[in-house]
Structure formats: structure tokens, C-alpha cells
PDB file of N, CA and C in Angstrom:
ATOM      1  N   PHE A   1       0.832  -1.148  -0.141  1.00  0.00           N
ATOM      2  CA  PHE A   1      -0.520  -0.015   0.035  1.00  0.00           C
ATOM      3  C   PHE A   1       0.640   1.182   0.224  1.00  0.00           C
ATOM      4  N   ARG A   2       1.243   1.132  -1.670  1.00  0.00           N
ATOM      5  CA  ARG A   2       2.035   3.091  -1.500  1.00  0.00           C
ATOM      6  C   ARG A   2       1.133   3.777  -2.581  1.00  0.00           C
ATOM      7  N   PRO A   3       0.088   4.885  -1.638  1.00  0.00           N
ATOM      8  CA  PRO A   3      -0.771   6.203  -2.412  1.00  0.00           C
ATOM      9  C   PRO A   3       0.539   6.757  -4.034  1.00  0.00           C
ATOM     10  N   ARG A   4       1.028   7.053  -3.152  1.00  0.00           N
ATOM     11  CA  ARG A   4       1.644   8.334  -4.253  1.00  0.00           C
ATOM     12  C   ARG A   4       2.800   7.643  -4.808  1.00  0.00           C
ATOM     13  N   GLU A   5       3.336   6.619  -4.431  1.00  0.00           N
ATOM     14  CA  GLU A   5       4.244   6.131  -5.663  1.00  0.00           C
ATOM     15  C   GLU A   5       3.363   5.215  -6.378  1.00  0.00           C
ATOM     16  N   PHE A   6       2.166   4.756  -6.258  1.00  0.00           N
ATOM     17  CA  PHE A   6       1.328   5.113  -7.193  1.00  0.00           C
ATOM     18  C   PHE A   6       0.630   5.897  -8.474  1.00  0.00           C
ATOM     19  N   LEU A   7       0.293   7.476  -7.046  1.00  0.00           N
ATOM     20  CA  LEU A   7       0.102   8.856  -8.349  1.00  0.00           C
ATOM     21  C   LEU A   7       1.313   8.661  -8.626  1.00  0.00           C
ATOM     22  N   ARG A   8       2.832   8.561  -8.648  1.00  0.00           N
ATOM     23  CA  ARG A   8       3.685   8.859  -9.405  1.00  0.00           C
ATOM     24  C   ARG A   8       3.493   8.656 -10.132  1.00  0.00           C
ATOM     25  N   GLU A   9       3.786   6.745 -10.201  1.00  0.00           N
ATOM     26  CA  GLU A   9       3.891   6.093 -11.652  1.00  0.00           C
ATOM     27  C   GLU A   9       2.454   6.240 -12.803  1.00  0.00           C
ATOM     28  N   SER A  10       1.401   6.698 -11.909  1.00  0.00           N
ATOM     29  CA  SER A  10      -0.114   6.788 -12.929  1.00  0.00           C
ATOM     30  C   SER A  10       0.629   8.058 -13.612  1.00  0.00           C
ATOM     31  N   PHE A  11       0.496   9.572 -13.338  1.00  0.00           N
ATOM     32  CA  PHE A  11       1.032  10.420 -13.722  1.00  0.00           C
ATOM     33  C   PHE A  11       2.282   9.883 -14.867  1.00  0.00           C
ATOM     34  N   ARG A  12       3.765   9.354 -14.723  1.00  0.00           N
ATOM     35  CA  ARG A  12       4.875   9.119 -15.970  1.00  0.00           C
ATOM     36  C   ARG A  12       3.831   8.473 -17.103  1.00  0.00           C
ATOM     37  N   VAL A  13       2.768   6.941 -16.286  1.00  0.00           N
ATOM     38  CA  VAL A  13       2.568   6.220 -17.578  1.00  0.00           C
ATOM     39  C   VAL A  13       1.115   6.565 -19.089  1.00  0.00           C
ATOM     40  N   LEU A  14       0.225   7.852 -17.898  1.00  0.00           N
ATOM     41  CA  LEU A  14      -1.066   8.210 -17.926  1.00  0.00           C
ATOM     42  C   LEU A  14      -0.078   9.440 -19.741  1.00  0.00           C
ATOM     43  N   LYS A  15      -0.665   9.307 -21.325  1.00  0.00           N
ATOM     44  CA  LYS A  15      -0.999  10.686 -22.192  1.00  0.00           C
ATOM     45  C   LYS A  15      -0.644  11.997 -21.701  1.00  0.00           C
ATOM     46  N   PRO A  16      -0.438  12.353 -22.040  1.00  0.00           N
ATOM     47  CA  PRO A  16      -0.970  13.421 -21.672  1.00  0.00           C
ATOM     48  C   PRO A  16      -1.995  14.293 -21.912  1.00  0.00           C
ATOM     49  N   GLY A  17      -3.418  14.377 -20.826  1.00  0.00           N
ATOM     50  CA  GLY A  17      -4.224  14.759 -20.397  1.00  0.00           C
ATOM     51  C   GLY A  17      -5.337  13.449 -20.559  1.00  0.00           C
ATOM     52  N   GLY A  18      -4.472  12.364 -20.133  1.00  0.00           N
ATOM     53  CA  GLY A  18      -5.255  11.242 -19.853  1.00  0.00           C
ATOM     54  C   GLY A  18      -5.560  11.242 -18.040  1.00  0.00           C
ATOM     55  N   ARG A  19      -6.541  10.372 -17.990  1.00  0.00           N
ATOM     56  CA  ARG A  19      -7.456  10.588 -17.269  1.00  0.00           C
ATOM     57  C   ARG A  19      -6.855   9.328 -16.086  1.00  0.00           C
ATOM     58  N   LEU A  20      -7.478   9.669 -14.597  1.00  0.00           N
ATOM     59  CA  LEU A  20      -7.282   8.472 -13.489  1.00  0.00           C
ATOM     60  C   LEU A  20      -8.310   8.259 -12.302  1.00  0.00           C
ATOM     61  N   SER A  21      -8.693   7.738 -12.554  1.00  0.00           N
ATOM     62  CA  SER A  21      -9.835   7.235 -11.252  1.00  0.00           C
ATOM     63  C   SER A  21      -9.245   6.474 -10.566  1.00  0.00           C
ATOM     64  N   PHE A  22      -9.592   5.904  -9.110  1.00  0.00           N
ATOM     65  CA  PHE A  22      -9.794   5.620  -8.349  1.00  0.00           C
ATOM     66  C   PHE A  22     -10.408   5.506  -6.724  1.00  0.00           C
ATOM     67  N   SER A  23      -9.828   4.918  -5.690  1.00  0.00           N
ATOM     68  CA  SER A  23     -11.187   4.825  -5.133  1.00  0.00           C
ATOM     69  C   SER A  23     -10.665   4.132  -3.305  1.00  0.00           C
ATOM     70  N   CYS A  24     -11.156   4.988  -2.257  1.00  0.00           N
ATOM     71  CA  CYS A  24     -10.558   4.516  -1.307  1.00  0.00           C
ATOM     72  C   CYS A  24     -11.786   4.053  -0.680  1.00  0.00           C
ATOM     73  N   TRP A  25     -11.191   3.728   0.836  1.00  0.00           N
ATOM     74  CA  TRP A  25     -12.169   4.540   2.443  1.00  0.00           C
ATOM     75  C   TRP A  25     -11.986   5.298   2.721  1.00  0.00           C
ATOM     76  N   ALA A  26     -13.166   6.006   3.304  1.00  0.00           N
ATOM     77  CA  ALA A  26     -13.721   7.721   4.013  1.00  0.00           C
ATOM     78  C   ALA A  26     -13.007   6.834   4.967  1.00  0.00           C
ATOM     79  N   PRO A  27     -12.958   7.550   6.030  1.00  0.00           N
ATOM     80  CA  PRO A  27     -12.618   8.159   7.312  1.00  0.00           C
ATOM     81  C   PRO A  27     -13.397   7.548   8.406  1.00  0.00           C
ATOM     82  N   PRO A  28     -13.443   6.259   9.595  1.00  0.00           N
ATOM     83  CA  PRO A  28     -14.181   5.870  10.558  1.00  0.00           C
ATOM     84  C   PRO A  28     -15.190   6.909  10.716  1.00  0.00           C
ATOM     85  N   SER A  29     -15.465   8.151  11.358  1.00  0.00           N
ATOM     86  CA  SER A  29     -15.845   9.069  11.506  1.00  0.00           C
ATOM     87  C   SER A  29     -17.041   9.086  10.529  1.00  0.00           C
ATOM     88  N   LEU A  30     -17.142   8.463   8.404  1.00  0.00           N
ATOM     89  CA  LEU A  30     -17.381   8.622   7.901  1.00  0.00           C
ATOM     90  C   LEU A  30     -18.585   7.386   7.255  1.00  0.00           C
ATOM     91  N   THR A  31     -17.688   6.340   7.679  1.00  0.00           N
ATOM     92  CA  THR A  31     -17.841   5.417   7.451  1.00  0.00           C
ATOM     93  C   THR A  31     -18.505   3.995   8.715  1.00  0.00           C
ATOM     94  N   GLU A  32     -19.174   3.539   8.980  1.00  0.00           N
ATOM     95  CA  GLU A  32     -20.048   3.730  10.110  1.00  0.00           C
ATOM     96  C   GLU A  32     -19.704   2.126  10.198  1.00  0.00           C
ATOM     97  N   GLY A  33     -19.113   1.136   8.960  1.00  0.00           N
ATOM     98  CA  GLY A  33     -18.646  -0.419   9.192  1.00  0.00           C
ATOM     99  C   GLY A  33     -17.221   0.559   9.887  1.00  0.00           C
ATOM    100  N   PHE A  34     -16.763   1.020   9.486  1.00  0.00           N
ATOM    101  CA  PHE A  34     -14.807   1.161  10.008  1.00  0.00           C
ATOM    102  C   PHE A  34     -14.809   1.910  10.873  1.00  0.00           C
ATOM    103  N   ARG A  35     -16.549   2.450  11.905  1.00  0.00           N
ATOM    104  CA  ARG A  35     -15.680   3.002  12.877  1.00  0.00           C
ATOM    105  C   ARG A  35     -16.195   2.231  13.883  1.00  0.00           C
ATOM    106  N   ILE A  36     -17.455   1.055  13.805  1.00  0.00           N
ATOM    107  CA  ILE A  36     -17.708  -0.222  14.345  1.00  0.00           C
ATOM    108  C   ILE A  36     -16.545  -0.646  14.580  1.00  0.00           C
ATOM    109  N   ALA A  37     -16.093  -1.688  14.089  1.00  0.00           N
ATOM    110  CA  ALA A  37     -14.765  -2.452  14.024  1.00  0.00           C
ATOM    111  C   ALA A  37     -13.905  -1.918  14.219  1.00  0.00           C
ATOM    112  N   LEU A  38     -13.481  -0.544  14.294  1.00  0.00           N
ATOM    113  CA  LEU A  38     -12.534  -0.057  15.176  1.00  0.00           C
ATOM    114  C   LEU A  38     -12.157  -0.075  16.547  1.00  0.00           C
ATOM    115  N   ALA A  39     -13.466   0.091  16.639  1.00  0.00           N
ATOM    116  CA  ALA A  39     -13.930   0.463  18.108  1.00  0.00           C
ATOM    117  C   ALA A  39     -13.947  -1.039  18.626  1.00  0.00           C
ATOM    118  N   SER A  40     -14.777  -1.423  18.293  1.00  0.00           N
ATOM    119  CA  SER A  40     -14.838  -3.009  18.663  1.00  0.00           C
ATOM    120  C   SER A  40     -12.843  -3.227  18.904  1.00  0.00           C
ATOM    121  N   ILE A  41     -12.484  -3.658  18.422  1.00  0.00           N
ATOM    122  CA  ILE A  41     -11.430  -4.308  18.416  1.00  0.00           C
ATOM    123  C   ILE A  41     -10.117  -2.852  19.362  1.00  0.00           C
ATOM    124  N   SER A  42     -10.441  -1.681  19.865  1.00  0.00           N
ATOM    125  CA  SER A  42      -9.412  -1.503  20.560  1.00  0.00           C
ATOM    126  C   SER A  42     -10.779  -1.729  21.615  1.00  0.00           C
ATOM    127  N   GLU A  43     -11.863  -1.699  22.009  1.00  0.00           N
ATOM    128  CA  GLU A  43     -12.283  -2.586  22.923  1.00  0.00           C
ATOM    129  C   GLU A  43     -11.816  -3.673  23.528  1.00  0.00           C
ATOM    130  N   ALA A  44     -11.346  -4.970  22.746  1.00  0.00           N
ATOM    131  CA  ALA A  44     -11.099  -6.284  22.510  1.00  0.00           C
ATOM    132  C   ALA A  44     -10.076  -6.393  23.446  1.00  0.00           C
ATOM    133  N   GLY A  45      -8.808  -5.393  22.929  1.00  0.00           N
ATOM    134  CA  GLY A  45      -7.772  -5.222  23.005  1.00  0.00           C
ATOM    135  C   GLY A  45      -7.007  -4.731  22.507  1.00  0.00           C
ATOM    136  N   ASN A  46      -5.492  -4.837  22.229  1.00  0.00           N
ATOM    137  CA  ASN A  46      -4.652  -3.303  21.608  1.00  0.00           C
ATOM    138  C   ASN A  46      -4.677  -3.770  20.213  1.00  0.00           C
ATOM    139  N   PRO A  47      -4.914  -2.797  19.336  1.00  0.00           N
ATOM    140  CA  PRO A  47      -5.126  -2.387  18.071  1.00  0.00           C
ATOM    141  C   PRO A  47      -3.238  -2.217  17.876  1.00  0.00           C
ATOM    142  N   ASN A  48      -2.201  -1.847  18.990  1.00  0.00           N
ATOM    143  CA  ASN A  48      -1.043  -1.796  18.066  1.00  0.00           C
ATOM    144  C   ASN A  48      -0.435  -2.737  17.959  1.00  0.00           C
ATOM    145  N   VAL A  49       0.127  -2.928  16.925  1.00  0.00           N
ATOM    146  CA  VAL A  49       0.739  -4.600  16.880  1.00  0.00           C
ATOM    147  C   VAL A  49       2.198  -4.334  17.265  1.00  0.00           C
ATOM    148  N   GLU A  50       3.572  -5.433  18.419  1.00  0.00           N
ATOM    149  CA  GLU A  50       3.941  -4.801  18.607  1.00  0.00           C
ATOM    150  C   GLU A  50       4.919  -5.152  17.414  1.00  0.00           C
ATOM    151  N   GLY A  51       5.881  -4.591  16.453  1.00  0.00           N
ATOM    152  CA  GLY A  51       6.786  -5.570  15.635  1.00  0.00           C
ATOM    153  C   GLY A  51       6.492  -5.120  14.143  1.00  0.00           C
ATOM    154  N   LEU A  52       5.084  -4.919  14.119  1.00  0.00           N
ATOM    155  CA  LEU A  52       4.713  -4.101  12.793  1.00  0.00           C
ATOM    156  C   LEU A  52       5.469  -3.034  12.079  1.00  0.00           C
ATOM    157  N   PRO A  53       5.526  -3.124  10.899  1.00  0.00           N
ATOM    158  CA  PRO A  53       6.875  -2.340  10.457  1.00  0.00           C
ATOM    159  C   PRO A  53       5.447  -0.874   9.881  1.00  0.00           C
ATOM    160  N   ALA A  54       5.873   0.305  10.065  1.00  0.00           N
ATOM    161  CA  ALA A  54       4.905   1.263  10.009  1.00  0.00           C
ATOM    162  C   ALA A  54       4.764   2.094   8.748  1.00  0.00           C
ATOM    163  N   GLY A  55       4.098   1.835   8.099  1.00  0.00           N
ATOM    164  CA  GLY A  55       3.114   2.170   6.960  1.00  0.00           C
ATOM    165  C   GLY A  55       1.855   3.404   7.317  1.00  0.00           C
ATOM    166  N   PRO A  56       1.966   3.985   5.440  1.00  0.00           N
ATOM    167  CA  PRO A  56       0.841   5.003   5.796  1.00  0.00           C
ATOM    168  C   PRO A  56      -0.750   4.592   6.356  1.00  0.00           C
ATOM    169  N   ASP A  57      -1.372   5.867   6.666  1.00  0.00           N
ATOM    170  CA  ASP A  57      -2.884   5.951   7.020  1.00  0.00           C
ATOM    171  C   ASP A  57      -3.576   5.329   6.275  1.00  0.00           C
ATOM    172  N   PHE A  58      -4.190   4.199   6.445  1.00  0.00           N
ATOM    173  CA  PHE A  58      -5.791   3.753   5.740  1.00  0.00           C
ATOM    174  C   PHE A  58      -6.148   4.677   5.117  1.00  0.00           C
ATOM    175  N   PHE A  59      -6.384   5.612   5.457  1.00  0.00           N
ATOM    176  CA  PHE A  59      -7.501   6.449   5.552  1.00  0.00           C
ATOM    177  C   PHE A  59      -7.122   7.439   4.931  1.00  0.00           C
ATOM    178  N   ASP A  60      -5.668   8.544   4.667  1.00  0.00           N
ATOM    179  CA  ASP A  60      -4.767   9.587   3.996  1.00  0.00           C
ATOM    180  C   ASP A  60      -5.897   9.725   3.106  1.00  0.00           C
ATOM    181  N   PHE A  61      -6.413   9.408   2.177  1.00  0.00           N
ATOM    182  CA  PHE A  61      -6.819   9.253   0.816  1.00  0.00           C
ATOM    183  C   PHE A  61      -8.432   9.503   1.143  1.00  0.00           C
ATOM    184  N   GLY A  62      -8.864   9.076   1.588  1.00  0.00           N
ATOM    185  CA  GLY A  62     -10.124   9.778   2.383  1.00  0.00           C
ATOM    186  C   GLY A  62     -10.152  10.703   2.510  1.00  0.00           C
ATOM    187  N   ASP A  63      -9.433  11.757   2.602  1.00  0.00           N
ATOM    188  CA  ASP A  63      -9.773  12.617   2.649  1.00  0.00           C
ATOM    189  C   ASP A  63      -9.810  13.989   1.634  1.00  0.00           C
ATOM    190  N   ALA A  64     -10.079  14.527   0.502  1.00  0.00           N
ATOM    191  CA  ALA A  64     -10.415  14.908  -0.650  1.00  0.00           C
ATOM    192  C   ALA A  64      -9.497  15.821  -0.435  1.00  0.00           C
ATOM    193  N   ASP A  65      -9.346  17.279   0.528  1.00  0.00           N
ATOM    194  CA  ASP A  65      -8.281  17.508   0.598  1.00  0.00           C
ATOM    195  C   ASP A  65      -6.161  17.145   0.459  1.00  0.00           C
ATOM    196  N   GLN A  66      -6.886  16.417   0.960  1.00  0.00           N
ATOM    197  CA  GLN A  66      -5.169  15.496   0.966  1.00  0.00           C
ATOM    198  C   GLN A  66      -5.059  14.885  -0.267  1.00  0.00           C
ATOM    199  N   SER A  67      -6.436  14.097  -0.771  1.00  0.00           N
ATOM    200  CA  SER A  67      -6.096  13.411  -2.389  1.00  0.00           C
ATOM    201  C   SER A  67      -5.514  14.614  -3.038  1.00  0.00           C
ATOM    202  N   ARG A  68      -6.228  15.783  -3.249  1.00  0.00           N
ATOM    203  CA  ARG A  68      -6.430  16.126  -4.970  1.00  0.00           C
ATOM    204  C   ARG A  68      -5.067  17.167  -4.152  1.00  0.00           C
ATOM    205  N   ASP A  69      -4.315  17.787  -3.418  1.00  0.00           N
ATOM    206  CA  ASP A  69      -3.009  18.391  -2.443  1.00  0.00           C
ATOM    207  C   ASP A  69      -1.832  17.522  -3.536  1.00  0.00           C
ATOM    208  N   ALA A  70      -1.966  16.493  -2.912  1.00  0.00           N
ATOM    209  CA  ALA A  70      -0.985  14.748  -2.863  1.00  0.00           C
ATOM    210  C   ALA A  70      -1.140  14.390  -4.951  1.00  0.00           C
ATOM    211  N   MET A  71      -1.980  15.128  -6.113  1.00  0.00           N
ATOM    212  CA  MET A  71      -1.820  14.879  -7.144  1.00  0.00           C
ATOM    213  C   MET A  71      -1.429  16.464  -8.005  1.00  0.00           C
ATOM    214  N   GLN A  72      -2.114  17.086  -7.451  1.00  0.00           N
ATOM    215  CA  GLN A  72      -1.300  18.261  -7.274  1.00  0.00           C
ATOM    216  C   GLN A  72       0.101  18.232  -7.064  1.00  0.00           C
ATOM    217  N   GLU A  73       0.548  17.764  -6.665  1.00  0.00           N
ATOM    218  CA  GLU A  73       2.251  18.039  -6.252  1.00  0.00           C
ATOM    219  C   GLU A  73       2.321  17.032  -7.197  1.00  0.00           C
ATOM    220  N   ILE A  74       2.434  17.031  -7.524  1.00  0.00           N
ATOM    221  CA  ILE A  74       2.551  15.212  -9.104  1.00  0.00           C
ATOM    222  C   ILE A  74       2.425  15.452 -10.477  1.00  0.00           C
ATOM    223  N   GLY A  75       1.998  16.839  -9.976  1.00  0.00           N
ATOM    224  CA  GLY A  75       1.441  17.189 -10.954  1.00  0.00           C
ATOM    225  C   GLY A  75       0.082  17.018 -12.073  1.00  0.00           C
ATOM    226  N   PHE A  76      -0.891  16.077 -11.482  1.00  0.00           N
ATOM    227  CA  PHE A  76      -2.105  16.026 -11.737  1.00  0.00           C
ATOM    228  C   PHE A  76      -2.875  16.904 -11.869  1.00  0.00           C
ATOM    229  N   GLU A  77      -3.833  17.820 -12.996  1.00  0.00           N
ATOM    230  CA  GLU A  77      -4.423  19.072 -13.082  1.00  0.00           C
ATOM    231  C   GLU A  77      -5.977  19.266 -13.192  1.00  0.00           C
ATOM    232  N   ASP A  78      -7.061  20.062 -13.299  1.00  0.00           N
ATOM    233  CA  ASP A  78      -7.819  20.284 -12.633  1.00  0.00           C
ATOM    234  C   ASP A  78      -7.912  18.265 -12.628  1.00  0.00           C
ATOM    235  N   THR A  79      -8.331  17.959 -10.742  1.00  0.00           N
ATOM    236  CA  THR A  79      -8.731  16.951 -10.051  1.00  0.00           C
ATOM    237  C   THR A  79      -9.329  17.703  -8.794  1.00  0.00           C
ATOM    238  N   ARG A  80     -10.987  16.777  -8.887  1.00  0.00           N
ATOM    239  CA  ARG A  80     -11.427  15.873  -8.189  1.00  0.00           C
ATOM    240  C   ARG A  80     -12.272  15.393  -7.908  1.00  0.00           C
ATOM    241  N   SER A  81     -12.553  15.337  -6.594  1.00  0.00           N
ATOM    242  CA  SER A  81     -12.809  14.354  -5.643  1.00  0.00           C
ATOM    243  C   SER A  81     -14.299  13.791  -5.919  1.00  0.00           C
ATOM    244  N   VAL A  82     -15.149  13.419  -5.353  1.00  0.00           N
ATOM    245  CA  VAL A  82     -16.264  12.721  -5.091  1.00  0.00           C
ATOM    246  C   VAL A  82     -16.451  12.233  -4.194  1.00  0.00           C
ATOM    247  N   LEU A  83     -17.908  12.341  -3.051  1.00  0.00           N
ATOM    248  CA  LEU A  83     -17.678  11.664  -2.019  1.00  0.00           C
ATOM    249  C   LEU A  83     -19.129  10.556  -2.778  1.00  0.00           C
ATOM    250  N   LEU A  84     -19.369   9.381  -3.558  1.00  0.00           N
ATOM    251  CA  LEU A  84     -19.691   8.551  -3.618  1.00  0.00           C
ATOM    252  C   LEU A  84     -21.501   8.144  -2.743  1.00  0.00           C
ATOM    253  N   SER A  85     -20.853   7.595  -1.680  1.00  0.00           N
ATOM    254  CA  SER A  85     -22.355   7.222  -1.014  1.00  0.00           C
ATOM    255  C   SER A  85     -22.368   7.448   0.077  1.00  0.00           C
ATOM    256  N   ASP A  86     -22.843   7.408   1.497  1.00  0.00           N
ATOM    257  CA  ASP A  86     -22.112   7.595   2.775  1.00  0.00           C
ATOM    258  C   ASP A  86     -22.795   5.998   2.651  1.00  0.00           C
ATOM    259  N   MET A  87     -22.205   5.128   3.848  1.00  0.00           N
ATOM    260  CA  MET A  87     -22.654   4.047   4.334  1.00  0.00           C
ATOM    261  C   MET A  87     -22.833   3.555   5.299  1.00  0.00           C
ATOM    262  N   THR A  88     -24.461   3.699   5.491  1.00  0.00           N
ATOM    263  CA  THR A  88     -25.316   3.979   6.298  1.00  0.00           C
ATOM    264  C   THR A  88     -25.968   2.133   6.807  1.00  0.00           C
ATOM    265  N   TRP A  89     -25.092   1.983   8.025  1.00  0.00           N
ATOM    266  CA  TRP A  89     -26.201   0.339   8.997  1.00  0.00           C
ATOM    267  C   TRP A  89     -27.497   0.744   9.301  1.00  0.00           C
ATOM    268  N   ASN A  90     -28.867   0.110   8.401  1.00  0.00           N
ATOM    269  CA  ASN A  90     -29.919   0.078   9.203  1.00  0.00           C
ATOM    270  C   ASN A  90     -29.765  -1.534   9.693  1.00  0.00           C
ATOM    271  N   SER A  91     -30.884  -1.466  11.490  1.00  0.00           N
ATOM    272  CA  SER A  91     -31.579  -2.954  11.278  1.00  0.00           C
ATOM    273  C   SER A  91     -30.317  -3.988  11.204  1.00  0.00           C
ATOM    274  N   VAL A  92     -28.766  -3.923  11.672  1.00  0.00           N
ATOM    275  CA  VAL A  92     -28.451  -4.623  12.715  1.00  0.00           C
ATOM    276  C   VAL A  92     -28.603  -5.563  14.237  1.00  0.00           C
ATOM    277  N   TYR A  93     -29.360  -4.748  14.441  1.00  0.00           N
ATOM    278  CA  TYR A  93     -29.644  -5.505  16.276  1.00  0.00           C
ATOM    279  C   TYR A  93     -29.686  -7.144  16.227  1.00  0.00           C
ATOM    280  N   GLY A  94     -28.774  -7.986  16.644  1.00  0.00           N
ATOM    281  CA  GLY A  94     -28.673  -8.903  16.305  1.00  0.00           C
ATOM    282  C   GLY A  94     -27.433 -10.222  15.101  1.00  0.00           C
ATOM    283  N   GLY A  95     -27.548  -8.620  14.287  1.00  0.00           N
ATOM    284  CA  GLY A  95     -27.213  -9.040  12.617  1.00  0.00           C
ATOM    285  C   GLY A  95     -28.212 -10.203  11.875  1.00  0.00           C
ATOM    286  N   GLU A  96     -28.722 -10.344  11.597  1.00  0.00           N
ATOM    287  CA  GLU A  96     -29.950 -11.289  11.042  1.00  0.00           C
ATOM    288  C   GLU A  96     -30.168 -10.537   9.292  1.00  0.00           C
ATOM    289  N   ASP A  97     -30.397  -8.849   9.306  1.00  0.00           N
ATOM    290  CA  ASP A  97     -29.954  -8.695   7.826  1.00  0.00           C
ATOM    291  C   ASP A  97     -28.817  -8.095   7.205  1.00  0.00           C
ATOM    292  N   LEU A  98     -27.978  -8.395   8.670  1.00  0.00           N
ATOM    293  CA  LEU A  98     -26.312  -8.676   7.673  1.00  0.00           C
ATOM    294  C   LEU A  98     -25.845  -9.255   5.962  1.00  0.00           C
TER     295      LEU A  98
END
């Protein structure tokens, strides 16, 4: 998971005026499923695994401004970000409707 490398390589291989589209996870504050999962992991134990190498934040590019800024730093022009949908969980009491 190296998003900036992905963007640099995409910019390099695209022809001038070419387009790039990608998706990423919104942060837990906007994604109920991740909020629930991460809160459960924190309640049940320590989510920080000893010895695990550091990596980029899983939700980095879920911030539209951060995505746009990273793309523009690399050279992309006319960048846009679109939130496709909110993830909403309904009727999950007991899990029957999952």
C-alpha cells in the first residue's frame, strides 16, 4: 500500500490529458462499518501490534483535500473528488439483516 508511488507511476505512464480514477475508504467518522470495527478492536484489545512495520494511514486519501493536494504535487491538473455514498447500517440488531 503505497498510494503516492501509485500516483507518481500513474502520472508517468498516462498520456498528456489522460485521466485517472481511484477509490479509497472514507475515514471512520464517515464510515459506520469501520467505526464499529475499529471501536470493537480497541475495546477487545490493543490494536497496535508490536513489531509491525509502520505504513501509511489506511484512510489518508479518504480526505478529499489531502488526495487533491497529493495529486497536484505530483503534477495532475483539474483534480476532483467525489463522495459516492455514505455507508449507513440499518437494522443490524442481532445481525439477521447483514
